[in-house]
Amino acid sequence: MLPEYDFSGGVRGKHYKAYRRGHTVKIHKVDGTISVQYFKPEEGAVMLEPDVQEYFFDSDAVNEALRALIKLIPKRREKRKTKPKMKHAAMGPYENS
């Protein structure tokens, strides 16, 4: 950083919620035109809160921790398949109309 940059009046994290939803960047070019770029978080992207980021510096660290937690979660029993629904309550599944 150059000494003339003054961030003393800045607010940390002021726009992070909007950034998570996606954001637009407008680039004002020398020739007077404006280039607009839209950014959305990638599918499956996860944003960590600052207090969590103190402990997890990269994706590998987060994935390792989550895998350790997954081992503690009881396995779910497979859902029982339901019988097909009947069109008419008075008719059984094999009765003719």
C-alpha atoms as a PDB file:
ATOM      1  CA  MET A   1       0.000   0.000   0.000  1.00  0.00           C
ATOM      2  CA  LEU A   2       1.141   3.463  -0.738  1.00  0.00           C
ATOM      3  CA  PRO A   3       1.389   5.898   2.190  1.00  0.00           C
ATOM      4  CA  GLU A   4      -1.207   8.235   0.632  1.00  0.00           C
ATOM      5  CA  TYR A   5      -3.934   5.574   0.847  1.00  0.00           C
ATOM      6  CA  ASP A   6      -6.086   6.353   3.875  1.00  0.00           C
ATOM      7  CA  PHE A   7      -8.585   3.717   4.973  1.00  0.00           C
ATOM      8  CA  SER A   8      -9.068   5.081   8.495  1.00  0.00           C
ATOM      9  CA  GLY A   9     -12.703   6.010   7.768  1.00  0.00           C
ATOM     10  CA  GLY A  10     -13.505   2.683   6.094  1.00  0.00           C
ATOM     11  CA  VAL A  11     -15.931   0.099   7.407  1.00  0.00           C
ATOM     12  CA  ARG A  12     -14.781  -3.506   7.187  1.00  0.00           C
ATOM     13  CA  GLY A  13     -17.307  -5.878   5.600  1.00  0.00           C
ATOM     14  CA  LYS A  14     -19.724  -3.100   4.629  1.00  0.00           C
ATOM     15  CA  HIS A  15     -20.783  -4.775   1.368  1.00  0.00           C
ATOM     16  CA  TYR A  16     -20.205  -8.457   2.070  1.00  0.00           C
ATOM     17  CA  LYS A  17     -23.915  -9.441   2.170  1.00  0.00           C
ATOM     18  CA  ALA A  18     -24.541  -7.873  -1.228  1.00  0.00           C
ATOM     19  CA  TYR A  19     -21.366  -9.501  -2.550  1.00  0.00           C
ATOM     20  CA  ARG A  20     -22.679 -12.911  -1.499  1.00  0.00           C
ATOM     21  CA  ARG A  21     -25.876 -12.386  -3.500  1.00  0.00           C
ATOM     22  CA  GLY A  22     -23.870 -11.390  -6.566  1.00  0.00           C
ATOM     23  CA  HIS A  23     -22.619  -8.047  -7.734  1.00  0.00           C
ATOM     24  CA  THR A  24     -22.105  -5.840 -10.757  1.00  0.00           C
ATOM     25  CA  VAL A  25     -18.865  -4.127 -11.670  1.00  0.00           C
ATOM     26  CA  LYS A  26     -18.950  -1.103 -13.970  1.00  0.00           C
ATOM     27  CA  ILE A  27     -15.677  -0.188 -15.625  1.00  0.00           C
ATOM     28  CA  HIS A  28     -15.508   3.359 -16.968  1.00  0.00           C
ATOM     29  CA  LYS A  29     -13.095   3.307 -19.873  1.00  0.00           C
ATOM     30  CA  VAL A  30     -10.935   6.167 -21.127  1.00  0.00           C
ATOM     31  CA  ASP A  31     -12.943   6.382 -24.364  1.00  0.00           C
ATOM     32  CA  GLY A  32     -16.126   7.138 -22.374  1.00  0.00           C
ATOM     33  CA  THR A  33     -17.737   3.722 -22.711  1.00  0.00           C
ATOM     34  CA  ILE A  34     -18.791   1.647 -19.730  1.00  0.00           C
ATOM     35  CA  SER A  35     -18.190  -2.084 -19.507  1.00  0.00           C
ATOM     36  CA  VAL A  36     -20.577  -3.907 -17.184  1.00  0.00           C
ATOM     37  CA  GLN A  37     -19.683  -7.303 -15.715  1.00  0.00           C
ATOM     38  CA  TYR A  38     -21.998  -9.409 -13.564  1.00  0.00           C
ATOM     39  CA  PHE A  39     -20.630 -11.773 -10.944  1.00  0.00           C
ATOM     40  CA  LYS A  40     -22.535 -14.439  -9.015  1.00  0.00           C
ATOM     41  CA  PRO A  41     -21.048 -16.932  -6.604  1.00  0.00           C
ATOM     42  CA  GLU A  42     -20.294 -20.243  -8.285  1.00  0.00           C
ATOM     43  CA  GLU A  43     -22.773 -23.088  -7.735  1.00  0.00           C
ATOM     44  CA  GLY A  44     -21.830 -24.774  -4.469  1.00  0.00           C
ATOM     45  CA  ALA A  45     -19.646 -21.872  -3.355  1.00  0.00           C
ATOM     46  CA  VAL A  46     -19.608 -21.318   0.382  1.00  0.00           C
ATOM     47  CA  MET A  47     -18.679 -18.034   2.007  1.00  0.00           C
ATOM     48  CA  LEU A  48     -17.114 -18.245   5.451  1.00  0.00           C
ATOM     49  CA  GLU A  49     -17.732 -15.663   8.118  1.00  0.00           C
ATOM     50  CA  PRO A  50     -14.605 -13.782   9.265  1.00  0.00           C
ATOM     51  CA  ASP A  51     -14.457 -15.560  12.657  1.00  0.00           C
ATOM     52  CA  VAL A  52     -14.500 -18.950  10.894  1.00  0.00           C
ATOM     53  CA  GLN A  53     -11.879 -17.847   8.363  1.00  0.00           C
ATOM     54  CA  GLU A  54      -9.427 -17.414  11.237  1.00  0.00           C
ATOM     55  CA  TYR A  55      -9.340 -21.213  11.582  1.00  0.00           C
ATOM     56  CA  PHE A  56      -9.719 -22.357   7.969  1.00  0.00           C
ATOM     57  CA  PHE A  57      -7.315 -20.859   5.470  1.00  0.00           C
ATOM     58  CA  ASP A  58      -8.289 -22.848   2.387  1.00  0.00           C
ATOM     59  CA  SER A  59     -10.820 -25.278   0.921  1.00  0.00           C
ATOM     60  CA  ASP A  60      -8.824 -28.310   2.001  1.00  0.00           C
ATOM     61  CA  ALA A  61      -8.978 -27.263   5.661  1.00  0.00           C
ATOM     62  CA  VAL A  62     -12.749 -26.689   5.490  1.00  0.00           C
ATOM     63  CA  ASN A  63     -13.397 -29.991   3.726  1.00  0.00           C
ATOM     64  CA  GLU A  64     -11.245 -31.901   6.218  1.00  0.00           C
ATOM     65  CA  ALA A  65     -13.168 -30.413   9.146  1.00  0.00           C
ATOM     66  CA  LEU A  66     -16.547 -31.124   7.558  1.00  0.00           C
ATOM     67  CA  ARG A  67     -15.590 -34.715   6.787  1.00  0.00           C
ATOM     68  CA  ALA A  68     -14.664 -35.166  10.450  1.00  0.00           C
ATOM     69  CA  LEU A  69     -18.099 -33.847  11.447  1.00  0.00           C
ATOM     70  CA  ILE A  70     -19.856 -36.092   8.935  1.00  0.00           C
ATOM     71  CA  LYS A  71     -18.366 -39.114  10.704  1.00  0.00           C
ATOM     72  CA  LEU A  72     -20.181 -38.014  13.883  1.00  0.00           C
ATOM     73  CA  ILE A  73     -23.590 -37.815  12.232  1.00  0.00           C
ATOM     74  CA  PRO A  74     -25.652 -41.011  12.518  1.00  0.00           C
ATOM     75  CA  LYS A  75     -26.370 -42.621   9.154  1.00  0.00           C
ATOM     76  CA  ARG A  76     -29.882 -41.970   7.937  1.00  0.00           C
ATOM     77  CA  ARG A  77     -32.032 -44.959   7.240  1.00  0.00           C
ATOM     78  CA  GLU A  78     -33.052 -45.186   3.623  1.00  0.00           C
ATOM     79  CA  LYS A  79     -36.553 -43.873   3.068  1.00  0.00           C
ATOM     80  CA  ARG A  80     -39.123 -46.555   2.474  1.00  0.00           C
ATOM     81  CA  LYS A  81     -40.611 -46.427  -0.994  1.00  0.00           C
ATOM     82  CA  THR A  82     -44.256 -45.446  -0.898  1.00  0.00           C
ATOM     83  CA  LYS A  83     -46.991 -47.320  -2.695  1.00  0.00           C
ATOM     84  CA  PRO A  84     -48.270 -45.692  -5.894  1.00  0.00           C
ATOM     85  CA  LYS A  85     -51.189 -43.376  -5.282  1.00  0.00           C
ATOM     86  CA  MET A  86     -54.582 -44.485  -6.519  1.00  0.00           C
ATOM     87  CA  LYS A  87     -56.552 -42.237  -8.848  1.00  0.00           C
ATOM     88  CA  HIS A  88     -59.854 -42.995  -7.122  1.00  0.00           C
ATOM     89  CA  ALA A  89     -60.112 -43.819  -3.452  1.00  0.00           C
ATOM     90  CA  ALA A  90     -62.907 -46.381  -4.014  1.00  0.00           C
ATOM     91  CA  MET A  91     -60.827 -48.373  -6.502  1.00  0.00           C
ATOM     92  CA  GLY A  92     -58.023 -50.663  -5.539  1.00  0.00           C
ATOM     93  CA  PRO A  93     -54.848 -50.645  -7.625  1.00  0.00           C
ATOM     94  CA  TYR A  94     -55.953 -53.720  -9.626  1.00  0.00           C
ATOM     95  CA  GLU A  95     -59.685 -53.079  -9.965  1.00  0.00           C
ATOM     96  CA  ASN A  96     -61.254 -52.039 -13.262  1.00  0.00           C
ATOM     97  CA  SER A  97     -63.579 -49.090 -13.419  1.00  0.00           C
END
